Amino acid sequence: ILPYLGGAPAADLKALSKDNVNMNVSTFVTLRRESLMSLTPR
């Protein structure tokens, strides 16, 4: 799913955060803006 994560809604990113995916920061900064902004530090 990695090539398509730029269109992921916040709920799906929150679910991924529980799966130890070790996302690269270069991928993180290209996420859908409103989805990224809704994430907590944890």
PDB file of all heavy atoms in Angstrom:
ATOM      1  N   ILE A   1       0.816  -1.214   0.000  1.00  0.00           N
ATOM      2  CA  ILE A   1       0.000   0.000   0.000  1.00  0.00           C
ATOM      3  C   ILE A   1       0.850   1.265   0.000  1.00  0.00           C
ATOM      4  O   ILE A   1       0.357   2.365  -0.273  1.00  0.00           O
ATOM      5  CB  ILE A   1      -0.946  -0.002   1.237  1.00  0.00           C
ATOM      6  CG1 ILE A   1      -2.144   0.921   1.031  1.00  0.00           C
ATOM      7  CG2 ILE A   1      -0.207   0.393   2.501  1.00  0.00           C
ATOM      8  CD1 ILE A   1      -3.144   0.409   0.037  1.00  0.00           C
ATOM      9  N   LEU A   2       2.144   1.125   0.247  1.00  0.00           N
ATOM     10  CA  LEU A   2       3.052   2.264   0.398  1.00  0.00           C
ATOM     11  C   LEU A   2       2.993   3.278  -0.744  1.00  0.00           C
ATOM     12  O   LEU A   2       2.912   4.487  -0.481  1.00  0.00           O
ATOM     13  CB  LEU A   2       4.482   1.752   0.592  1.00  0.00           C
ATOM     14  CG  LEU A   2       5.579   2.811   0.755  1.00  0.00           C
ATOM     15  CD1 LEU A   2       5.285   3.718   1.948  1.00  0.00           C
ATOM     16  CD2 LEU A   2       6.946   2.136   0.923  1.00  0.00           C
ATOM     17  N   PRO A   3       3.009   2.870  -2.024  1.00  0.00           N
ATOM     18  CA  PRO A   3       2.997   3.875  -3.096  1.00  0.00           C
ATOM     19  C   PRO A   3       1.748   4.738  -3.121  1.00  0.00           C
ATOM     20  O   PRO A   3       1.748   5.825  -3.730  1.00  0.00           O
ATOM     21  CB  PRO A   3       3.088   3.024  -4.376  1.00  0.00           C
ATOM     22  CG  PRO A   3       3.664   1.720  -3.936  1.00  0.00           C
ATOM     23  CD  PRO A   3       3.125   1.507  -2.557  1.00  0.00           C
ATOM     24  N   TYR A   4       0.694   4.289  -2.449  1.00  0.00           N
ATOM     25  CA  TYR A   4      -0.596   4.977  -2.510  1.00  0.00           C
ATOM     26  C   TYR A   4      -0.949   5.726  -1.223  1.00  0.00           C
ATOM     27  O   TYR A   4      -2.027   6.311  -1.118  1.00  0.00           O
ATOM     28  CB  TYR A   4      -1.706   3.956  -2.822  1.00  0.00           C
ATOM     29  CG  TYR A   4      -1.415   3.126  -4.051  1.00  0.00           C
ATOM     30  CD1 TYR A   4      -0.843   1.860  -3.937  1.00  0.00           C
ATOM     31  CD2 TYR A   4      -1.676   3.623  -5.318  1.00  0.00           C
ATOM     32  CE1 TYR A   4      -0.553   1.107  -5.064  1.00  0.00           C
ATOM     33  CE2 TYR A   4      -1.387   2.868  -6.454  1.00  0.00           C
ATOM     34  CZ  TYR A   4      -0.825   1.619  -6.327  1.00  0.00           C
ATOM     35  OH  TYR A   4      -0.535   0.885  -7.450  1.00  0.00           O
ATOM     36  N   LEU A   5      -0.049   5.733  -0.252  1.00  0.00           N
ATOM     37  CA  LEU A   5      -0.362   6.316   1.056  1.00  0.00           C
ATOM     38  C   LEU A   5      -0.581   7.824   1.011  1.00  0.00           C
ATOM     39  O   LEU A   5      -1.124   8.395   1.953  1.00  0.00           O
ATOM     40  CB  LEU A   5       0.753   5.996   2.062  1.00  0.00           C
ATOM     41  CG  LEU A   5       0.750   4.573   2.631  1.00  0.00           C
ATOM     42  CD1 LEU A   5       1.898   4.403   3.624  1.00  0.00           C
ATOM     43  CD2 LEU A   5      -0.583   4.261   3.304  1.00  0.00           C
ATOM     44  N   GLY A   6      -0.173   8.480  -0.068  1.00  0.00           N
ATOM     45  CA  GLY A   6      -0.404   9.923  -0.183  1.00  0.00           C
ATOM     46  C   GLY A   6      -1.881  10.279  -0.221  1.00  0.00           C
ATOM     47  O   GLY A   6      -2.240  11.455  -0.058  1.00  0.00           O
ATOM     48  N   GLY A   7      -2.736   9.283  -0.424  1.00  0.00           N
ATOM     49  CA  GLY A   7      -4.181   9.534  -0.431  1.00  0.00           C
ATOM     50  C   GLY A   7      -4.907   8.915   0.746  1.00  0.00           C
ATOM     51  O   GLY A   7      -6.139   8.880   0.776  1.00  0.00           O
ATOM     52  N   ALA A   8      -4.161   8.445   1.740  1.00  0.00           N
ATOM     53  CA  ALA A   8      -4.778   7.755   2.877  1.00  0.00           C
ATOM     54  C   ALA A   8      -5.466   8.720   3.839  1.00  0.00           C
ATOM     55  O   ALA A   8      -4.892   9.752   4.192  1.00  0.00           O
ATOM     56  CB  ALA A   8      -3.726   6.948   3.628  1.00  0.00           C
ATOM     57  N   PRO A   9      -6.679   8.406   4.289  1.00  0.00           N
ATOM     58  CA  PRO A   9      -7.345   9.234   5.302  1.00  0.00           C
ATOM     59  C   PRO A   9      -6.703   9.030   6.669  1.00  0.00           C
ATOM     60  O   PRO A   9      -5.953   8.066   6.888  1.00  0.00           O
ATOM     61  CB  PRO A   9      -8.784   8.719   5.282  1.00  0.00           C
ATOM     62  CG  PRO A   9      -8.670   7.302   4.817  1.00  0.00           C
ATOM     63  CD  PRO A   9      -7.527   7.286   3.841  1.00  0.00           C
ATOM     64  N   ALA A  10      -7.002   9.927   7.584  1.00  0.00           N
ATOM     65  CA  ALA A  10      -6.392   9.891   8.916  1.00  0.00           C
ATOM     66  C   ALA A  10      -6.651   8.575   9.641  1.00  0.00           C
ATOM     67  O   ALA A  10      -5.760   8.030  10.293  1.00  0.00           O
ATOM     68  CB  ALA A  10      -6.907  11.063   9.746  1.00  0.00           C
ATOM     69  N   ALA A  11      -7.866   8.058   9.520  1.00  0.00           N
ATOM     70  CA  ALA A  11      -8.221   6.833  10.245  1.00  0.00           C
ATOM     71  C   ALA A  11      -7.313   5.669   9.855  1.00  0.00           C
ATOM     72  O   ALA A  11      -6.909   4.865  10.704  1.00  0.00           O
ATOM     73  CB  ALA A  11      -9.679   6.468   9.967  1.00  0.00           C
ATOM     74  N   ASP A  12      -6.963   5.581   8.574  1.00  0.00           N
ATOM     75  CA  ASP A  12      -6.114   4.487   8.116  1.00  0.00           C
ATOM     76  C   ASP A  12      -4.673   4.663   8.588  1.00  0.00           C
ATOM     77  O   ASP A  12      -3.978   3.688   8.893  1.00  0.00           O
ATOM     78  CB  ASP A  12      -6.155   4.390   6.595  1.00  0.00           C
ATOM     79  CG  ASP A  12      -7.506   3.901   6.086  1.00  0.00           C
ATOM     80  OD1 ASP A  12      -8.422   3.728   6.913  1.00  0.00           O
ATOM     81  OD2 ASP A  12      -7.661   3.703   4.876  1.00  0.00           O
ATOM     82  N   LEU A  13      -4.202   5.908   8.645  1.00  0.00           N
ATOM     83  CA  LEU A  13      -2.854   6.162   9.156  1.00  0.00           C
ATOM     84  C   LEU A  13      -2.775   5.844  10.645  1.00  0.00           C
ATOM     85  O   LEU A  13      -1.767   5.311  11.127  1.00  0.00           O
ATOM     86  CB  LEU A  13      -2.459   7.611   8.904  1.00  0.00           C
ATOM     87  CG  LEU A  13      -2.303   8.026   7.440  1.00  0.00           C
ATOM     88  CD1 LEU A  13      -1.972   9.515   7.343  1.00  0.00           C
ATOM     89  CD2 LEU A  13      -1.219   7.202   6.752  1.00  0.00           C
ATOM     90  N   LYS A  14      -3.830   6.175  11.370  1.00  0.00           N
ATOM     91  CA  LYS A  14      -3.869   5.874  12.796  1.00  0.00           C
ATOM     92  C   LYS A  14      -3.819   4.357  13.025  1.00  0.00           C
ATOM     93  O   LYS A  14      -3.178   3.874  13.968  1.00  0.00           O
ATOM     94  CB  LYS A  14      -5.136   6.468  13.420  1.00  0.00           C
ATOM     95  CG  LYS A  14      -5.138   7.997  13.479  1.00  0.00           C
ATOM     96  CD  LYS A  14      -6.479   8.528  13.982  1.00  0.00           C
ATOM     97  CE  LYS A  14      -6.518  10.051  13.972  1.00  0.00           C
ATOM     98  NZ  LYS A  14      -5.647  10.643  15.000  1.00  0.00           N
ATOM     99  N   ALA A  15      -4.495   3.615  12.148  1.00  0.00           N
ATOM    100  CA  ALA A  15      -4.466   2.157  12.257  1.00  0.00           C
ATOM    101  C   ALA A  15      -3.066   1.627  11.951  1.00  0.00           C
ATOM    102  O   ALA A  15      -2.569   0.725  12.637  1.00  0.00           O
ATOM    103  CB  ALA A  15      -5.486   1.542  11.298  1.00  0.00           C
ATOM    104  N   LEU A  16      -2.413   2.184  10.944  1.00  0.00           N
ATOM    105  CA  LEU A  16      -1.053   1.764  10.592  1.00  0.00           C
ATOM    106  C   LEU A  16      -0.060   2.043  11.710  1.00  0.00           C
ATOM    107  O   LEU A  16       0.935   1.336  11.868  1.00  0.00           O
ATOM    108  CB  LEU A  16      -0.588   2.479   9.322  1.00  0.00           C
ATOM    109  CG  LEU A  16      -0.992   1.893   7.973  1.00  0.00           C
ATOM    110  CD1 LEU A  16      -0.438   2.754   6.842  1.00  0.00           C
ATOM    111  CD2 LEU A  16      -0.506   0.452   7.826  1.00  0.00           C
ATOM    112  N   SER A  17      -0.334   3.088  12.495  1.00  0.00           N
ATOM    113  CA  SER A  17       0.593   3.457  13.565  1.00  0.00           C
ATOM    114  C   SER A  17       0.707   2.378  14.634  1.00  0.00           C
ATOM    115  O   SER A  17       1.641   2.384  15.439  1.00  0.00           O
ATOM    116  CB  SER A  17       0.151   4.775  14.215  1.00  0.00           C
ATOM    117  OG  SER A  17      -1.019   4.603  14.994  1.00  0.00           O
ATOM    118  N   LYS A  18      -0.207   1.431  14.619  1.00  0.00           N
ATOM    119  CA  LYS A  18      -0.189   0.350  15.601  1.00  0.00           C
ATOM    120  C   LYS A  18       0.505  -0.902  15.062  1.00  0.00           C
ATOM    121  O   LYS A  18       0.590  -1.911  15.753  1.00  0.00           O
ATOM    122  CB  LYS A  18      -1.623  -0.009  16.014  1.00  0.00           C
ATOM    123  CG  LYS A  18      -2.398   1.174  16.585  1.00  0.00           C
ATOM    124  CD  LYS A  18      -3.852   0.802  16.841  1.00  0.00           C
ATOM    125  CE  LYS A  18      -4.652   2.003  17.336  1.00  0.00           C
ATOM    126  NZ  LYS A  18      -6.085   1.662  17.545  1.00  0.00           N
ATOM    127  N   ASP A  19       0.981  -0.824  13.796  1.00  0.00           N
ATOM    128  CA  ASP A  19       1.526  -2.021  13.149  1.00  0.00           C
ATOM    129  C   ASP A  19       3.043  -2.037  13.012  1.00  0.00           C
ATOM    130  O   ASP A  19       3.590  -2.877  12.292  1.00  0.00           O
ATOM    131  CB  ASP A  19       0.905  -2.173  11.750  1.00  0.00           C
ATOM    132  CG  ASP A  19      -0.592  -2.453  11.808  1.00  0.00           C
ATOM    133  OD1 ASP A  19      -1.064  -2.929  12.863  1.00  0.00           O
ATOM    134  OD2 ASP A  19      -1.280  -2.190  10.814  1.00  0.00           O
ATOM    135  N   ASN A  20       3.731  -1.086  13.654  1.00  0.00           N
ATOM    136  CA  ASN A  20       5.206  -1.051  13.605  1.00  0.00           C
ATOM    137  C   ASN A  20       5.737  -1.070  12.163  1.00  0.00           C
ATOM    138  O   ASN A  20       6.574  -1.906  11.802  1.00  0.00           O
ATOM    139  CB  ASN A  20       5.796  -2.233  14.382  1.00  0.00           C
ATOM    140  CG  ASN A  20       5.386  -2.234  15.835  1.00  0.00           C
ATOM    141  OD1 ASN A  20       5.437  -1.199  16.497  1.00  0.00           O
ATOM    142  ND2 ASN A  20       4.971  -3.387  16.346  1.00  0.00           N
ATOM    143  N   VAL A  21       5.252  -0.118  11.358  1.00  0.00           N
ATOM    144  CA  VAL A  21       5.622  -0.117   9.937  1.00  0.00           C
ATOM    145  C   VAL A  21       6.952   0.584   9.664  1.00  0.00           C
ATOM    146  O   VAL A  21       7.511   0.450   8.575  1.00  0.00           O
ATOM    147  CB  VAL A  21       4.511   0.540   9.086  1.00  0.00           C
ATOM    148  CG1 VAL A  21       3.242  -0.290   9.158  1.00  0.00           C
ATOM    149  CG2 VAL A  21       4.237   1.974   9.522  1.00  0.00           C
ATOM    150  N   ASN A  22       7.468   1.365  10.625  1.00  0.00           N
ATOM    151  CA  ASN A  22       8.746   2.072  10.446  1.00  0.00           C
ATOM    152  C   ASN A  22       8.768   2.898   9.158  1.00  0.00           C
ATOM    153  O   ASN A  22       9.629   2.741   8.289  1.00  0.00           O
ATOM    154  CB  ASN A  22       9.920   1.087  10.439  1.00  0.00           C
ATOM    155  CG  ASN A  22      10.130   0.437  11.797  1.00  0.00           C
ATOM    156  OD1 ASN A  22      10.126   1.115  12.825  1.00  0.00           O
ATOM    157  ND2 ASN A  22      10.293  -0.876  11.810  1.00  0.00           N
ATOM    158  N   MET A  23       7.802   3.793   9.044  1.00  0.00           N
ATOM    159  CA  MET A  23       7.684   4.647   7.862  1.00  0.00           C
ATOM    160  C   MET A  23       8.863   5.610   7.752  1.00  0.00           C
ATOM    161  O   MET A  23       9.298   6.191   8.747  1.00  0.00           O
ATOM    162  CB  MET A  23       6.374   5.453   7.937  1.00  0.00           C
ATOM    163  CG  MET A  23       6.146   6.412   6.775  1.00  0.00           C
ATOM    164  SD  MET A  23       4.629   7.390   7.001  1.00  0.00           S
ATOM    165  CE  MET A  23       3.375   6.140   6.732  1.00  0.00           C
ATOM    166  N   ASN A  24       9.388   5.780   6.535  1.00  0.00           N
ATOM    167  CA  ASN A  24      10.448   6.750   6.306  1.00  0.00           C
ATOM    168  C   ASN A  24       9.890   8.164   6.431  1.00  0.00           C
ATOM    169  O   ASN A  24       8.738   8.413   6.063  1.00  0.00           O
ATOM    170  CB  ASN A  24      11.043   6.583   4.903  1.00  0.00           C
ATOM    171  CG  ASN A  24      11.883   5.329   4.788  1.00  0.00           C
ATOM    172  OD1 ASN A  24      12.595   4.965   5.716  1.00  0.00           O
ATOM    173  ND2 ASN A  24      11.791   4.654   3.651  1.00  0.00           N
ATOM    174  N   VAL A  25      10.694   9.091   6.915  1.00  0.00           N
ATOM    175  CA  VAL A  25      10.250  10.481   7.044  1.00  0.00           C
ATOM    176  C   VAL A  25       9.947  11.062   5.667  1.00  0.00           C
ATOM    177  O   VAL A  25       9.041  11.886   5.508  1.00  0.00           O
ATOM    178  CB  VAL A  25      11.301  11.332   7.770  1.00  0.00           C
ATOM    179  CG1 VAL A  25      10.891  12.802   7.809  1.00  0.00           C
ATOM    180  CG2 VAL A  25      11.508  10.823   9.195  1.00  0.00           C
ATOM    181  N   SER A  26      10.670  10.627   4.655  1.00  0.00           N
ATOM    182  CA  SER A  26      10.419  11.116   3.297  1.00  0.00           C
ATOM    183  C   SER A  26       9.019  10.733   2.821  1.00  0.00           C
ATOM    184  O   SER A  26       8.401  11.456   2.024  1.00  0.00           O
ATOM    185  CB  SER A  26      11.463  10.555   2.328  1.00  0.00           C
ATOM    186  OG  SER A  26      11.478   9.136   2.350  1.00  0.00           O
ATOM    187  N   THR A  27       8.494   9.620   3.302  1.00  0.00           N
ATOM    188  CA  THR A  27       7.113   9.237   3.009  1.00  0.00           C
ATOM    189  C   THR A  27       6.151  10.015   3.890  1.00  0.00           C
ATOM    190  O   THR A  27       5.105  10.488   3.421  1.00  0.00           O
ATOM    191  CB  THR A  27       6.909   7.725   3.246  1.00  0.00           C
ATOM    192  OG1 THR A  27       7.763   6.985   2.378  1.00  0.00           O
ATOM    193  CG2 THR A  27       5.462   7.319   3.005  1.00  0.00           C
ATOM    194  N   PHE A  28       6.496  10.178   5.144  1.00  0.00           N
ATOM    195  CA  PHE A  28       5.650  10.875   6.109  1.00  0.00           C
ATOM    196  C   PHE A  28       5.299  12.296   5.646  1.00  0.00           C
ATOM    197  O   PHE A  28       4.157  12.720   5.745  1.00  0.00           O
ATOM    198  CB  PHE A  28       6.360  10.924   7.466  1.00  0.00           C
ATOM    199  CG  PHE A  28       5.605  11.667   8.530  1.00  0.00           C
ATOM    200  CD1 PHE A  28       4.510  11.092   9.160  1.00  0.00           C
ATOM    201  CD2 PHE A  28       5.989  12.951   8.911  1.00  0.00           C
ATOM    202  CE1 PHE A  28       3.814  11.775  10.149  1.00  0.00           C
ATOM    203  CE2 PHE A  28       5.306  13.637   9.891  1.00  0.00           C
ATOM    204  CZ  PHE A  28       4.210  13.051  10.519  1.00  0.00           C
ATOM    205  N   VAL A  29       6.276  13.025   5.117  1.00  0.00           N
ATOM    206  CA  VAL A  29       6.039  14.428   4.742  1.00  0.00           C
ATOM    207  C   VAL A  29       5.223  14.563   3.466  1.00  0.00           C
ATOM    208  O   VAL A  29       4.814  15.677   3.110  1.00  0.00           O
ATOM    209  CB  VAL A  29       7.361  15.204   4.610  1.00  0.00           C
ATOM    210  CG1 VAL A  29       8.102  15.242   5.935  1.00  0.00           C
ATOM    211  CG2 VAL A  29       8.257  14.605   3.521  1.00  0.00           C
ATOM    212  N   THR A  30       4.984  13.445   2.752  1.00  0.00           N
ATOM    213  CA  THR A  30       4.164  13.504   1.542  1.00  0.00           C
ATOM    214  C   THR A  30       2.751  12.977   1.777  1.00  0.00           C
ATOM    215  O   THR A  30       1.970  12.856   0.830  1.00  0.00           O
ATOM    216  CB  THR A  30       4.809  12.689   0.405  1.00  0.00           C
ATOM    217  OG1 THR A  30       4.912  11.313   0.795  1.00  0.00           O
ATOM    218  CG2 THR A  30       6.187  13.227   0.070  1.00  0.00           C
ATOM    219  N   LEU A  31       2.411  12.691   3.032  1.00  0.00           N
ATOM    220  CA  LEU A  31       1.072  12.217   3.343  1.00  0.00           C
ATOM    221  C   LEU A  31       0.047  13.327   3.109  1.00  0.00           C
ATOM    222  O   LEU A  31       0.381  14.516   3.089  1.00  0.00           O
ATOM    223  CB  LEU A  31       1.000  11.753   4.801  1.00  0.00           C
ATOM    224  CG  LEU A  31       1.846  10.533   5.172  1.00  0.00           C
ATOM    225  CD1 LEU A  31       1.753  10.270   6.670  1.00  0.00           C
ATOM    226  CD2 LEU A  31       1.420   9.309   4.374  1.00  0.00           C
ATOM    227  N   ARG A  32      -1.164  12.925   2.948  1.00  0.00           N
ATOM    228  CA  ARG A  32      -2.286  13.860   2.789  1.00  0.00           C
ATOM    229  C   ARG A  32      -2.268  14.843   3.956  1.00  0.00           C
ATOM    230  O   ARG A  32      -2.252  14.434   5.122  1.00  0.00           O
ATOM    231  CB  ARG A  32      -3.579  13.035   2.785  1.00  0.00           C
ATOM    232  CG  ARG A  32      -4.827  13.744   2.399  1.00  0.00           C
ATOM    233  CD  ARG A  32      -5.884  12.663   2.232  1.00  0.00           C
ATOM    234  NE  ARG A  32      -7.232  13.175   2.165  1.00  0.00           N
ATOM    235  CZ  ARG A  32      -8.305  12.411   1.959  1.00  0.00           C
ATOM    236  NH1 ARG A  32      -8.139  11.105   1.816  1.00  0.00           N
ATOM    237  NH2 ARG A  32      -9.508  12.924   1.910  1.00  0.00           N
ATOM    238  N   ARG A  33      -2.262  16.130   3.663  1.00  0.00           N
ATOM    239  CA  ARG A  33      -2.015  17.138   4.695  1.00  0.00           C
ATOM    240  C   ARG A  33      -3.005  17.047   5.861  1.00  0.00           C
ATOM    241  O   ARG A  33      -2.600  17.032   7.024  1.00  0.00           O
ATOM    242  CB  ARG A  33      -2.057  18.545   4.089  1.00  0.00           C
ATOM    243  CG  ARG A  33      -1.791  19.635   5.116  1.00  0.00           C
ATOM    244  CD  ARG A  33      -1.795  21.022   4.512  1.00  0.00           C
ATOM    245  NE  ARG A  33      -1.700  22.034   5.536  1.00  0.00           N
ATOM    246  CZ  ARG A  33      -0.575  22.449   6.091  1.00  0.00           C
ATOM    247  NH1 ARG A  33       0.569  21.930   5.716  1.00  0.00           N
ATOM    248  NH2 ARG A  33      -0.585  23.379   7.029  1.00  0.00           N
ATOM    249  N   GLU A  34      -4.298  17.016   5.560  1.00  0.00           N
ATOM    250  CA  GLU A  34      -5.271  17.005   6.658  1.00  0.00           C
ATOM    251  C   GLU A  34      -5.163  15.740   7.490  1.00  0.00           C
ATOM    252  O   GLU A  34      -5.460  15.752   8.688  1.00  0.00           O
ATOM    253  CB  GLU A  34      -6.704  17.197   6.128  1.00  0.00           C
ATOM    254  CG  GLU A  34      -7.190  16.120   5.184  1.00  0.00           C
ATOM    255  CD  GLU A  34      -6.970  16.501   3.729  1.00  0.00           C
ATOM    256  OE1 GLU A  34      -6.002  17.236   3.436  1.00  0.00           O
ATOM    257  OE2 GLU A  34      -7.777  16.059   2.884  1.00  0.00           O
ATOM    258  N   SER A  35      -4.744  14.642   6.858  1.00  0.00           N
ATOM    259  CA  SER A  35      -4.554  13.396   7.594  1.00  0.00           C
ATOM    260  C   SER A  35      -3.361  13.503   8.532  1.00  0.00           C
ATOM    261  O   SER A  35      -3.419  13.107   9.703  1.00  0.00           O
ATOM    262  CB  SER A  35      -4.342  12.231   6.622  1.00  0.00           C
ATOM    263  OG  SER A  35      -5.453  12.080   5.761  1.00  0.00           O
ATOM    264  N   LEU A  36      -2.268  14.061   8.030  1.00  0.00           N
ATOM    265  CA  LEU A  36      -1.061  14.222   8.843  1.00  0.00           C
ATOM    266  C   LEU A  36      -1.325  15.129  10.042  1.00  0.00           C
ATOM    267  O   LEU A  36      -0.889  14.849  11.163  1.00  0.00           O
ATOM    268  CB  LEU A  36       0.062  14.789   7.971  1.00  0.00           C
ATOM    269  CG  LEU A  36       1.481  14.834   8.553  1.00  0.00           C
ATOM    270  CD1 LEU A  36       2.512  14.828   7.425  1.00  0.00           C
ATOM    271  CD2 LEU A  36       1.703  16.063   9.428  1.00  0.00           C
ATOM    272  N   MET A  37      -2.053  16.220   9.804  1.00  0.00           N
ATOM    273  CA  MET A  37      -2.297  17.200  10.867  1.00  0.00           C
ATOM    274  C   MET A  37      -3.154  16.642  12.001  1.00  0.00           C
ATOM    275  O   MET A  37      -3.144  17.159  13.119  1.00  0.00           O
ATOM    276  CB  MET A  37      -2.962  18.461  10.292  1.00  0.00           C
ATOM    277  CG  MET A  37      -2.081  19.247   9.348  1.00  0.00           C
ATOM    278  SD  MET A  37      -0.535  19.799  10.108  1.00  0.00           S
ATOM    279  CE  MET A  37       0.514  19.970   8.666  1.00  0.00           C
ATOM    280  N   SER A  38      -3.904  15.601  11.739  1.00  0.00           N
ATOM    281  CA  SER A  38      -4.784  15.040  12.776  1.00  0.00           C
ATOM    282  C   SER A  38      -4.096  13.985  13.640  1.00  0.00           C
ATOM    283  O   SER A  38      -4.679  13.483  14.596  1.00  0.00           O
ATOM    284  CB  SER A  38      -6.033  14.441  12.119  1.00  0.00           C
ATOM    285  OG  SER A  38      -5.693  13.278  11.395  1.00  0.00           O
ATOM    286  N   LEU A  39      -2.853  13.653  13.300  1.00  0.00           N
ATOM    287  CA  LEU A  39      -2.134  12.629  14.068  1.00  0.00           C
ATOM    288  C   LEU A  39      -1.589  13.188  15.376  1.00  0.00           C
ATOM    289  O   LEU A  39      -1.133  14.327  15.431  1.00  0.00           O
ATOM    290  CB  LEU A  39      -0.972  12.082  13.238  1.00  0.00           C
ATOM    291  CG  LEU A  39      -1.329  11.365  11.925  1.00  0.00           C
ATOM    292  CD1 LEU A  39      -0.063  10.997  11.158  1.00  0.00           C
ATOM    293  CD2 LEU A  39      -2.175  10.129  12.191  1.00  0.00           C
ATOM    294  N   THR A  40      -1.621  12.399  16.415  1.00  0.00           N
ATOM    295  CA  THR A  40      -1.046  12.785  17.698  1.00  0.00           C
ATOM    296  C   THR A  40       0.441  12.426  17.711  1.00  0.00           C
ATOM    297  O   THR A  40       0.892  11.601  16.898  1.00  0.00           O
ATOM    298  CB  THR A  40      -1.738  12.048  18.848  1.00  0.00           C
ATOM    299  OG1 THR A  40      -1.447  10.637  18.730  1.00  0.00           O
ATOM    300  CG2 THR A  40      -3.259  12.261  18.803  1.00  0.00           C
ATOM    301  N   PRO A  41       1.223  13.006  18.609  1.00  0.00           N
ATOM    302  CA  PRO A  41       2.636  12.635  18.711  1.00  0.00           C
ATOM    303  C   PRO A  41       2.843  11.137  18.909  1.00  0.00           C
ATOM    304  O   PRO A  41       3.757  10.547  18.335  1.00  0.00           O
ATOM    305  CB  PRO A  41       3.112  13.442  19.922  1.00  0.00           C
ATOM    306  CG  PRO A  41       2.272  14.669  19.883  1.00  0.00           C
ATOM    307  CD  PRO A  41       0.917  14.180  19.454  1.00  0.00           C
ATOM    308  N   ARG A  42       1.985  10.505  19.703  1.00  0.00           N
ATOM    309  CA  ARG A  42       2.114   9.059  19.935  1.00  0.00           C
ATOM    310  C   ARG A  42       1.872   8.281  18.642  1.00  0.00           C
ATOM    311  O   ARG A  42       2.561   7.291  18.358  1.00  0.00           O
ATOM    312  CB  ARG A  42       1.119   8.613  21.016  1.00  0.00           C
ATOM    313  CG  ARG A  42       1.238   7.129  21.367  1.00  0.00           C
ATOM    314  CD  ARG A  42       0.236   6.773  22.441  1.00  0.00           C
ATOM    315  NE  ARG A  42       0.554   7.436  23.692  1.00  0.00           N
ATOM    316  CZ  ARG A  42       1.413   6.981  24.591  1.00  0.00           C
ATOM    317  NH1 ARG A  42       2.055   5.847  24.364  1.00  0.00           N
ATOM    318  NH2 ARG A  42       1.612   7.630  25.709  1.00  0.00           N
TER     319      ARG A  42
END
